[in-house]
């Protein structure tokens, strides 16, 4: 956030905003909750066995600044920042609370796709932010190029009334997207922030509630950037990877339990055999030249190839080439008994037959079909890439980078199950598949 005048801050503080420079005892209760921070969040700066098994790692050990350094610097700031009582503190050594003296800091490691969680506590009139995919450029401020999760004492800045705070509050995508309904615990209380980035899809969360969701590089994104102060910075939001950053904007902010889980795709097909898959029906499934082939057999009936494991929330990409007919599909949160499937299908079909649409087998039928104009995204007889994202009750599909459908359905939201490939009945069908990769988005 842009800085506000010291005279204005002094007036606000004189009106009754006391600076929270002193750290409350670790075991104190959070005001308004009746629960200690440990009860709400668990022991700080630690990982459970389940979290370790899921791939989480700590970015702050609670004792040192290891893994962090100054923005555009090789070393950690020797002033401003400090590690105090298991917390990474903005303005720990500042003599004037309204003047940042340490500068912004970044992780020594870079991250591409990730799930980041962090706990933070505000002081009065606090102002900070968490940035991602940071580009370090000599002479440039950190926010010139990196999107920001705003961290702010919302009430204090709203009360000042000196600027439009829409898109400038905690949980916002700073200056671009405003948070919806949320719960922010005020100065002296702990909050949990979360940023999840996969491909170009970004989510901000605050205390368990999603506040904003956006797609980097989308037409909407480009329009918003062009109308914002970031229009002057051509590299803004363009990095595919980069460090995580914490902003020093003056005023104390306490961070702890900063942890990250890289969201790395896992191959579901090894290019050699059908390990990890189960065949249902008499239609043919085999591997040829490193590709997975489904082909109609003599019975010309339905056939399925189902993953042995189940998936609930995930992001799947898969390449397909329709050699003959090509009426097939990718099922999700589904179960298969014999050749009877219960679940939902992202359609793969010849032109004009709604590739990328969602169909419910043995149930409601078509739930959503793409706009017919989007069918131009299908390259019949060539390799295509289908992307399927399923989170909660929301389903989104893309075909060769074109978003085909995006909708929510309660029945889907209540289900879980396997991923399965289909071959339609009727005979004469042959489809090749490759590069089947999934990112598990489960907790």
Protein backbone atom coordinates (compact mmCIF):
# COMPACT_ATOMS: atom_id res chain seq x y z
CA UNK A 1 0.00 0.00 0.00
CA UNK A 2 1.15 3.55 -0.64
CA UNK A 3 2.37 5.40 2.42
CA UNK A 4 0.20 7.81 4.39
CA UNK A 5 1.49 11.01 5.95
CA UNK A 6 3.10 10.94 9.38
CA UNK A 7 0.98 13.88 10.48
CA UNK A 8 -2.17 11.95 9.66
CA UNK A 9 -0.92 8.90 11.51
CA UNK A 10 -0.09 11.03 14.52
CA UNK A 11 -3.61 12.44 14.49
CA UNK A 12 -5.11 8.98 14.34
CA UNK A 13 -2.94 7.75 17.18
CA UNK A 14 -3.77 10.80 19.24
CA UNK A 15 -7.44 10.01 18.73
CA UNK A 16 -6.98 6.74 20.56
CA UNK A 17 -4.99 4.29 18.47
CA UNK A 18 -2.29 2.96 20.79
CA UNK A 19 0.76 1.39 19.17
CA UNK A 20 1.06 -2.32 19.96
CA UNK A 21 4.85 -2.49 20.04
CA UNK A 22 5.02 -4.84 23.01
CA UNK A 23 4.54 -8.54 22.44
CA UNK A 24 1.77 -10.14 24.52
CA UNK A 25 2.76 -13.28 26.41
CA UNK A 26 2.82 -16.38 24.24
CA UNK A 27 0.09 -18.03 26.23
CA UNK A 28 -2.33 -15.10 26.18
CA UNK A 29 -5.79 -15.53 24.73
CA UNK A 30 -6.87 -13.90 21.50
CA UNK A 31 -9.37 -11.17 22.29
CA UNK A 32 -12.90 -12.07 21.33
CA UNK A 33 -12.19 -15.78 20.86
CA UNK A 34 -11.52 -17.05 24.38
CA UNK A 35 -8.93 -19.43 22.94
CA UNK A 36 -5.17 -19.28 23.07
CA UNK A 37 -3.30 -18.99 19.75
CA UNK A 38 -2.06 -22.56 20.25
CA UNK A 39 -5.67 -23.80 20.53
CA UNK A 40 -6.69 -22.09 17.31
CA UNK A 41 -3.59 -22.75 15.24
CA UNK A 42 -1.61 -25.45 17.02
CA UNK A 43 2.00 -25.10 18.19
CA UNK A 44 3.68 -22.35 16.15
CA UNK A 45 6.53 -23.01 13.73
CA UNK A 46 6.01 -26.78 13.73
CA UNK A 47 4.74 -29.36 11.26
CA UNK A 48 2.68 -32.43 12.07
CA UNK A 49 3.65 -35.81 10.67
CA UNK A 50 0.71 -35.59 8.28
CA UNK A 51 1.89 -32.20 7.03
CA UNK A 52 5.41 -33.49 6.49
CA UNK A 53 4.06 -36.50 4.62
CA UNK A 54 2.00 -34.16 2.42
CA UNK A 55 5.12 -32.19 1.47
CA UNK A 56 4.86 -29.12 3.70
CA UNK A 57 8.05 -27.38 4.83
CA UNK A 58 8.71 -24.47 7.15
CA UNK A 59 10.03 -21.21 5.72
CA UNK A 60 10.69 -19.82 9.21
CA UNK A 61 12.07 -21.97 12.01
CA UNK A 62 11.02 -19.62 14.80
CA UNK A 63 14.58 -19.10 16.01
CA UNK A 64 16.63 -17.61 13.19
CA UNK A 65 16.24 -15.74 9.92
CA UNK A 66 17.69 -18.68 7.99
CA UNK A 67 16.15 -18.92 4.54
CA UNK A 68 15.50 -15.17 4.27
CA UNK A 69 17.50 -12.20 2.95
CA UNK A 70 16.88 -8.60 2.02
CA UNK A 71 15.21 -7.82 -1.29
CA UNK A 72 17.96 -7.18 -3.84
CA UNK A 73 20.50 -8.08 -1.14
CA UNK A 74 22.52 -11.15 -0.27
CA UNK A 75 22.20 -10.82 3.51
CA UNK A 76 19.35 -10.45 5.99
CA UNK A 77 18.78 -6.84 7.16
CA UNK A 78 20.79 -5.94 10.26
CA UNK A 79 18.18 -3.43 11.36
CA UNK A 80 14.41 -3.22 11.32
CA UNK A 81 13.57 -6.91 11.25
CA UNK A 82 14.06 -9.25 14.19
CA UNK A 83 13.26 -12.73 15.46
CA UNK A 84 11.51 -12.37 18.84
CA UNK A 85 9.79 -15.11 20.86
CA UNK A 86 9.29 -17.35 17.83
CA UNK A 87 8.08 -14.55 15.57
CA UNK A 88 9.55 -12.79 12.54
CA UNK A 89 8.84 -9.15 13.35
CA UNK A 90 8.57 -6.17 11.00
CA UNK A 91 9.97 -3.01 12.59
CA UNK A 92 11.45 -4.81 15.58
CA UNK A 93 14.25 -2.27 15.98
CA UNK A 94 12.56 0.80 14.49
CA UNK A 95 12.66 3.97 16.58
CA UNK A 96 9.94 5.64 14.51
CA UNK A 97 7.07 3.19 13.93
CA UNK A 98 6.02 4.93 10.72
CA UNK A 99 9.37 4.65 8.94
CA UNK A 100 10.46 1.30 7.43
CA UNK A 101 14.14 0.83 8.19
CA UNK A 102 14.79 -2.81 7.36
CA UNK A 103 13.38 -2.94 3.85
CA UNK A 104 11.48 -5.82 2.33
CA UNK A 105 12.73 -9.39 2.67
CA UNK A 106 12.47 -12.44 0.41
CA UNK A 107 13.06 -16.17 0.70
CA UNK A 108 16.38 -17.51 -0.49
CA UNK A 109 14.47 -20.16 -2.48
CA UNK A 110 12.16 -19.55 -5.42
CA UNK A 111 8.76 -21.15 -5.93
CA UNK A 112 6.55 -21.69 -8.96
CA UNK A 113 3.33 -23.45 -7.93
CA UNK A 114 2.67 -23.68 -4.21
CA UNK A 115 0.33 -23.55 -1.25
CA UNK A 116 1.60 -20.98 1.27
CA UNK A 117 0.20 -20.51 4.79
CA UNK A 118 1.29 -17.93 7.31
CA UNK A 119 0.06 -16.57 10.61
CA UNK A 120 0.21 -12.84 11.26
CA UNK A 121 -0.69 -10.40 14.01
CA UNK A 122 -1.23 -6.71 13.45
CA UNK A 123 -0.32 -3.66 15.46
CA UNK A 124 -2.49 -0.54 15.31
CA UNK A 125 -2.34 1.06 11.85
CA UNK A 126 -0.20 -1.84 10.62
CA UNK A 127 0.53 -2.12 6.91
CA UNK A 128 2.41 -4.95 5.25
CA UNK A 129 1.95 -7.57 2.58
CA UNK A 130 3.00 -10.98 1.31
CA UNK A 131 4.23 -11.07 -2.27
CA UNK A 132 4.97 -14.02 -4.55
CA UNK A 133 6.95 -14.82 -7.70
CA UNK A 134 9.08 -11.83 -6.87
CA UNK A 135 11.31 -10.35 -9.56
CA UNK A 136 14.41 -8.68 -8.16
CA UNK A 137 15.38 -5.70 -10.25
CA UNK A 138 17.98 -3.13 -9.25
CA UNK A 139 16.36 0.20 -8.49
CA UNK A 140 12.84 -1.24 -8.48
CA UNK A 141 10.53 -1.60 -5.51
CA UNK A 142 9.37 -5.14 -4.77
CA UNK A 143 5.75 -4.29 -5.64
CA UNK A 144 6.66 -3.04 -9.11
CA UNK A 145 6.63 -6.63 -10.38
CA UNK A 146 5.13 -8.97 -7.75
CA UNK A 147 1.43 -9.42 -6.90
CA UNK A 148 0.62 -8.79 -3.23
CA UNK A 149 -1.64 -10.29 -0.58
CA UNK A 150 -2.48 -7.19 1.48
CA UNK A 151 -1.94 -7.31 5.27
CA UNK A 152 -3.47 -4.28 6.99
CA UNK A 153 -5.26 -2.92 10.03
CA UNK A 154 -8.43 -2.50 7.97
CA UNK A 155 -10.51 -0.55 10.50
CA UNK A 156 -7.85 2.09 11.09
CA UNK A 157 -7.41 2.87 7.40
CA UNK A 158 -11.13 2.83 6.66
CA UNK A 159 -11.70 5.25 9.54
CA UNK A 160 -9.09 7.64 8.16
CA UNK A 161 -11.11 7.97 4.96
CA UNK A 162 -8.20 9.45 3.03
CA UNK A 163 -8.44 7.10 0.06
CA UNK A 164 -10.69 4.51 -1.53
CA UNK A 165 -9.88 1.30 0.35
CA UNK A 166 -11.60 -0.97 -2.16
CA UNK A 167 -8.98 -3.54 -3.23
CA UNK A 168 -6.57 -2.25 -0.55
CA UNK A 169 -7.64 -4.30 2.49
CA UNK A 170 -6.40 -7.51 4.11
CA UNK A 171 -6.82 -10.53 1.86
CA UNK A 172 -7.18 -8.39 -1.27
CA UNK A 173 -5.05 -8.82 -4.35
CA UNK A 174 -3.63 -5.37 -3.81
CA UNK A 175 -5.12 -2.73 -6.12
CA UNK A 176 -6.76 -5.31 -8.40
CA UNK A 177 -9.22 -7.61 -6.61
CA UNK A 178 -11.30 -6.88 -3.50
CA UNK A 179 -11.98 -9.53 -0.90
CA UNK A 180 -15.49 -10.77 -0.40
CA UNK A 181 -16.92 -11.77 2.96
CA UNK A 182 -14.16 -12.39 5.50
CA UNK A 183 -13.22 -12.37 9.17
CA UNK A 184 -10.17 -10.35 10.18
CA UNK A 185 -9.02 -10.42 13.81
CA UNK A 186 -7.79 -6.96 14.77
CA UNK A 187 -4.57 -5.76 16.38
CA UNK A 188 -3.21 -8.09 19.04
CA UNK A 189 -4.97 -11.18 17.63
CA UNK A 190 -3.66 -13.88 15.31
CA UNK A 191 -4.87 -14.51 11.78
CA UNK A 192 -3.98 -17.12 9.18
CA UNK A 193 -3.37 -16.07 5.59
CA UNK A 194 -3.02 -18.39 2.64
CA UNK A 195 -1.95 -18.01 -0.98
CA UNK A 196 -2.35 -20.88 -3.40
CA UNK A 197 -0.83 -20.61 -6.88
CA UNK A 198 -1.11 -23.28 -9.58
CA UNK A 199 -0.22 -22.48 -13.17
CA UNK A 200 -1.74 -19.00 -13.40
CA UNK A 201 -4.64 -19.65 -11.03
CA UNK A 202 -4.30 -17.80 -7.71
CA UNK A 203 -6.39 -17.91 -4.53
CA UNK A 204 -6.15 -15.76 -1.39
CA UNK A 205 -7.59 -17.08 1.88
CA UNK A 206 -8.06 -15.47 5.29
CA UNK A 207 -8.91 -17.50 8.40
CA UNK A 208 -10.28 -20.36 6.33
CA UNK A 209 -12.36 -18.25 3.91
CA UNK A 210 -11.39 -17.69 0.28
CA UNK A 211 -11.24 -13.93 -0.25
CA UNK A 212 -10.26 -13.57 -3.91
CA UNK A 213 -9.54 -15.79 -6.90
CA UNK A 214 -7.98 -14.71 -10.17
CA UNK A 215 -6.11 -15.91 -13.25
CA UNK A 216 -2.77 -14.30 -14.03
CA UNK A 217 -2.58 -13.22 -17.67
CA UNK A 218 -6.30 -13.64 -18.32
CA UNK A 219 -8.17 -10.93 -20.25
CA UNK A 220 -9.74 -9.76 -16.97
CA UNK A 221 -6.32 -9.60 -15.33
CA UNK A 222 -4.80 -7.65 -18.21
CA UNK A 223 -7.68 -5.17 -18.17
CA UNK A 224 -7.36 -4.60 -14.43
CA UNK A 225 -3.58 -4.16 -14.61
CA UNK A 226 -3.89 -1.69 -17.48
CA UNK A 227 -6.23 0.45 -15.37
CA UNK A 228 -4.05 0.28 -12.24
CA UNK A 229 -0.80 1.84 -11.06
CA UNK A 230 0.94 -1.34 -12.25
CA UNK A 231 0.38 -0.37 -15.88
CA UNK A 232 3.72 1.44 -15.69
CA UNK A 233 5.56 -1.79 -14.89
CA UNK A 234 5.59 -4.21 -17.85
CA UNK A 235 6.98 -7.13 -15.80
CA UNK A 236 4.23 -6.99 -13.18
CA UNK A 237 2.79 -10.46 -12.55
CA UNK A 238 4.76 -11.97 -15.44
CA UNK A 239 7.24 -14.15 -13.55
CA UNK A 240 6.71 -17.90 -13.72
CA UNK A 241 8.71 -18.39 -10.55
CA UNK A 242 10.35 -16.37 -7.81
CA UNK A 243 10.85 -15.88 -4.06
CA UNK A 244 8.16 -15.18 -1.49
CA UNK A 245 8.42 -11.64 -0.11
CA UNK A 246 7.37 -9.87 3.11
CA UNK A 247 6.90 -6.11 3.01
CA UNK A 248 8.32 -3.62 5.51
CA UNK A 249 5.97 -0.65 5.44
CA UNK A 250 6.58 0.64 8.94
CA UNK A 251 4.59 -0.41 12.03
CA UNK A 252 4.96 -3.78 13.72
CA UNK A 253 3.57 -6.91 12.11
CA UNK A 254 4.38 -10.30 13.60
CA UNK A 255 4.68 -13.35 11.34
CA UNK A 256 5.07 -16.99 12.34
CA UNK A 257 4.30 -20.55 11.15
CA UNK A 258 5.22 -19.60 7.59
CA UNK A 259 5.00 -22.88 5.71
CA UNK A 260 4.77 -23.91 2.09
CA UNK A 261 3.86 -26.97 0.08
CA UNK A 262 5.12 -26.98 -3.51
CA UNK A 263 2.31 -28.06 -5.83
CA UNK A 264 4.15 -30.40 -8.13
CA UNK A 265 2.37 -32.54 -10.73
CA UNK A 266 2.55 -36.31 -10.43
CA UNK A 267 2.48 -38.50 -13.53
CA UNK A 268 -0.45 -40.94 -13.54
CA UNK A 269 0.88 -42.76 -16.62
CA UNK A 270 4.49 -43.97 -16.73
CA UNK A 271 4.65 -44.45 -20.51
CA UNK A 272 5.49 -48.15 -20.17
CA UNK A 273 2.52 -50.04 -18.71
CA UNK A 274 -0.80 -49.69 -16.92
CA UNK A 275 0.58 -49.70 -13.40
CA UNK A 276 -1.73 -47.71 -11.12
CA UNK A 277 -4.75 -48.27 -13.36
CA UNK A 278 -7.59 -50.81 -13.45
CA UNK A 279 -9.31 -51.99 -16.65
CA UNK A 280 -13.09 -52.31 -16.70
CA UNK A 281 -14.80 -53.97 -19.64
CA UNK A 282 -13.56 -55.84 -22.70
CA UNK A 283 -12.41 -52.87 -24.81
CA UNK A 284 -8.69 -52.57 -25.49
CA UNK A 285 -6.26 -50.51 -23.39
CA UNK A 286 -2.57 -50.79 -24.20
CA UNK A 287 0.71 -48.86 -24.40
CA UNK A 288 2.34 -48.08 -27.74
CA UNK A 289 5.33 -45.82 -28.35
CA UNK A 290 5.04 -44.39 -24.86
CA UNK A 291 1.39 -43.49 -25.40
CA UNK A 292 -1.73 -44.92 -23.80
CA UNK A 293 -4.19 -46.18 -26.41
CA UNK A 294 -7.87 -47.00 -26.02
CA UNK A 295 -9.48 -48.85 -28.91
CA UNK A 296 -12.84 -50.48 -29.50
CA UNK A 297 -12.78 -54.25 -29.07
CA UNK A 298 -14.96 -56.91 -30.65
CA UNK A 299 -17.80 -56.25 -28.18
CA UNK A 300 -17.94 -52.54 -29.11
CA UNK A 301 -19.20 -51.70 -25.62
CA UNK A 302 -18.30 -49.10 -23.01
CA UNK A 303 -14.89 -49.47 -21.41
CA UNK A 304 -13.04 -47.67 -18.62
CA UNK A 305 -9.51 -47.35 -17.33
CA UNK A 306 -9.70 -46.20 -13.70
CA UNK A 307 -7.00 -44.98 -11.32
CA UNK A 308 -6.41 -47.28 -8.37
CA UNK A 309 -6.35 -44.31 -6.01
CA UNK A 310 -9.04 -41.72 -5.45
CA UNK A 311 -8.87 -37.95 -5.84
CA UNK A 312 -11.09 -35.23 -4.46
CA UNK A 313 -9.60 -31.78 -5.15
CA UNK A 314 -7.11 -31.78 -8.00
CA UNK A 315 -5.85 -30.13 -11.16
CA UNK A 316 -5.35 -32.58 -14.05
CA UNK A 317 -3.79 -32.05 -17.46
CA UNK A 318 -3.91 -34.69 -20.18
CA UNK A 319 -3.08 -34.78 -23.88
CA UNK A 320 -5.33 -36.65 -26.30
CA UNK A 321 -5.35 -37.40 -30.04
CA UNK A 322 -8.52 -38.73 -31.66
CA UNK A 323 -7.42 -41.15 -34.36
CA UNK A 324 -10.88 -42.50 -35.15
CA UNK A 325 -14.23 -41.10 -34.02
CA UNK A 326 -12.79 -40.11 -30.64
CA UNK A 327 -15.92 -40.28 -28.49
CA UNK A 328 -14.38 -40.60 -25.05
CA UNK A 329 -13.97 -38.66 -21.84
CA UNK A 330 -12.26 -38.12 -18.49
CA UNK A 331 -14.34 -39.12 -15.46
CA UNK A 332 -13.71 -37.66 -12.00
CA UNK A 333 -14.92 -38.36 -8.47
CA UNK A 334 -16.34 -41.52 -9.97
CA UNK A 335 -16.75 -45.22 -9.20
CA UNK A 336 -16.87 -48.04 -11.73
CA UNK A 337 -18.48 -51.47 -11.27
CA UNK A 338 -18.07 -53.64 -14.34
CA UNK A 339 -18.91 -51.13 -17.06
CA UNK A 340 -21.37 -49.10 -14.99
CA UNK A 341 -19.92 -45.76 -13.94
CA UNK A 342 -21.29 -43.37 -11.35
CA UNK A 343 -19.86 -39.90 -11.52
CA UNK A 344 -19.08 -37.05 -13.85
CA UNK A 345 -17.32 -36.80 -17.18
CA UNK A 346 -15.34 -34.07 -18.87
CA UNK A 347 -16.29 -34.80 -22.47
CA UNK A 348 -13.75 -35.67 -25.16
CA UNK A 349 -15.49 -35.99 -28.53
CA UNK A 350 -15.37 -35.08 -32.24
CA UNK A 351 -16.21 -31.53 -33.34
CA UNK A 352 -19.65 -30.28 -32.41
CA UNK A 353 -20.12 -32.73 -29.53
CA UNK A 354 -19.16 -30.49 -26.59
CA UNK A 355 -15.57 -31.39 -25.72
CA UNK A 356 -14.86 -29.86 -22.33
CA UNK A 357 -18.48 -30.05 -21.20
CA UNK A 358 -19.57 -31.94 -18.07
CA UNK A 359 -21.94 -34.92 -18.23
CA UNK A 360 -23.40 -36.92 -15.35
CA UNK A 361 -23.71 -40.60 -16.25
CA UNK A 362 -26.83 -42.50 -15.19
CA UNK A 363 -28.16 -39.32 -13.66
CA UNK A 364 -28.95 -35.79 -14.80
CA UNK A 365 -27.15 -36.03 -18.12
CA UNK A 366 -25.57 -32.84 -19.40
CA UNK A 367 -24.85 -30.40 -16.58
CA UNK A 368 -23.11 -27.77 -18.67
CA UNK A 369 -22.04 -27.54 -22.31
CA UNK A 370 -19.48 -25.10 -23.69
CA UNK A 371 -20.50 -22.20 -25.86
CA UNK A 372 -20.55 -23.67 -29.42
CA UNK A 373 -18.14 -20.95 -30.53
CA UNK A 374 -15.50 -22.44 -28.22
CA UNK A 375 -15.47 -25.68 -30.22
CA UNK A 376 -12.91 -24.01 -32.49
CA UNK A 377 -10.35 -24.76 -29.76
CA UNK A 378 -10.48 -28.48 -30.67
CA UNK A 379 -7.88 -29.71 -33.16
CA UNK A 380 -9.36 -32.90 -34.56
CA UNK A 381 -6.70 -35.38 -35.69
CA UNK A 382 -3.99 -33.54 -33.74
CA UNK A 383 -2.79 -33.55 -30.15
CA UNK A 384 -4.92 -31.52 -27.75
CA UNK A 385 -4.48 -30.67 -24.08
CA UNK A 386 -7.43 -30.92 -21.73
CA UNK A 387 -7.16 -29.41 -18.27
CA UNK A 388 -9.65 -30.31 -15.56
CA UNK A 389 -9.73 -28.53 -12.20
CA UNK A 390 -12.06 -29.78 -9.47
CA UNK A 391 -12.09 -28.02 -6.07
CA UNK A 392 -15.03 -28.42 -3.71
CA UNK A 393 -18.18 -27.99 -5.77
CA UNK A 394 -16.47 -26.01 -8.53
CA UNK A 395 -15.42 -27.57 -11.86
CA UNK A 396 -13.45 -25.79 -14.57
CA UNK A 397 -12.17 -27.17 -17.87
CA UNK A 398 -9.79 -25.77 -20.45
CA UNK A 399 -9.08 -27.04 -23.95
CA UNK A 400 -5.76 -25.97 -25.42
CA UNK A 401 -5.74 -23.01 -23.05
CA UNK A 402 -9.33 -21.92 -23.76
CA UNK A 403 -11.64 -22.05 -20.77
CA UNK A 404 -14.61 -24.18 -21.79
CA UNK A 405 -16.82 -24.34 -18.69
CA UNK A 406 -16.70 -23.04 -15.12
CA UNK A 407 -19.58 -23.89 -12.78
CA UNK A 408 -20.53 -25.14 -9.32
CA UNK A 409 -22.62 -28.14 -8.37
CA UNK A 410 -23.50 -29.36 -4.88
CA UNK A 411 -23.67 -33.05 -5.78
CA UNK A 412 -20.19 -32.95 -7.22
CA UNK A 413 -19.03 -31.08 -4.14
CA UNK A 414 -20.23 -33.87 -1.86
CA UNK A 415 -18.49 -36.67 -3.79
CA UNK A 416 -15.06 -38.18 -4.17
CA UNK A 417 -13.72 -41.03 -6.23
CA UNK A 418 -11.32 -42.06 -8.96
CA UNK A 419 -10.22 -40.55 -12.24
CA UNK A 420 -11.13 -42.72 -15.24
CA UNK A 421 -10.76 -42.64 -19.00
CA UNK A 422 -13.69 -43.78 -21.11
CA UNK A 423 -14.15 -45.41 -24.47
CA UNK A 424 -17.68 -45.01 -25.77
CA UNK A 425 -19.76 -47.87 -27.09
CA UNK A 426 -20.58 -48.34 -30.77
CA UNK A 427 -17.17 -49.43 -32.06
CA UNK A 428 -14.71 -47.74 -34.38
CA UNK A 429 -13.15 -45.59 -31.66
CA UNK A 430 -9.43 -45.06 -31.13
CA UNK A 431 -7.91 -42.37 -28.91
CA UNK A 432 -4.33 -41.85 -27.79
CA UNK A 433 -3.40 -40.28 -24.44
CA UNK A 434 -0.14 -38.99 -23.00
CA UNK A 435 1.29 -36.60 -20.39
CA UNK A 436 -1.32 -37.45 -17.77
CA UNK A 437 -0.36 -35.33 -14.79
CA UNK A 438 -2.26 -34.37 -11.67
CA UNK A 439 -1.68 -31.97 -8.80
CA UNK A 440 -3.43 -33.07 -5.62
CA UNK A 441 -5.03 -30.00 -4.05
CA UNK A 442 -6.25 -31.76 -0.95
CA UNK A 443 -5.46 -30.39 2.49
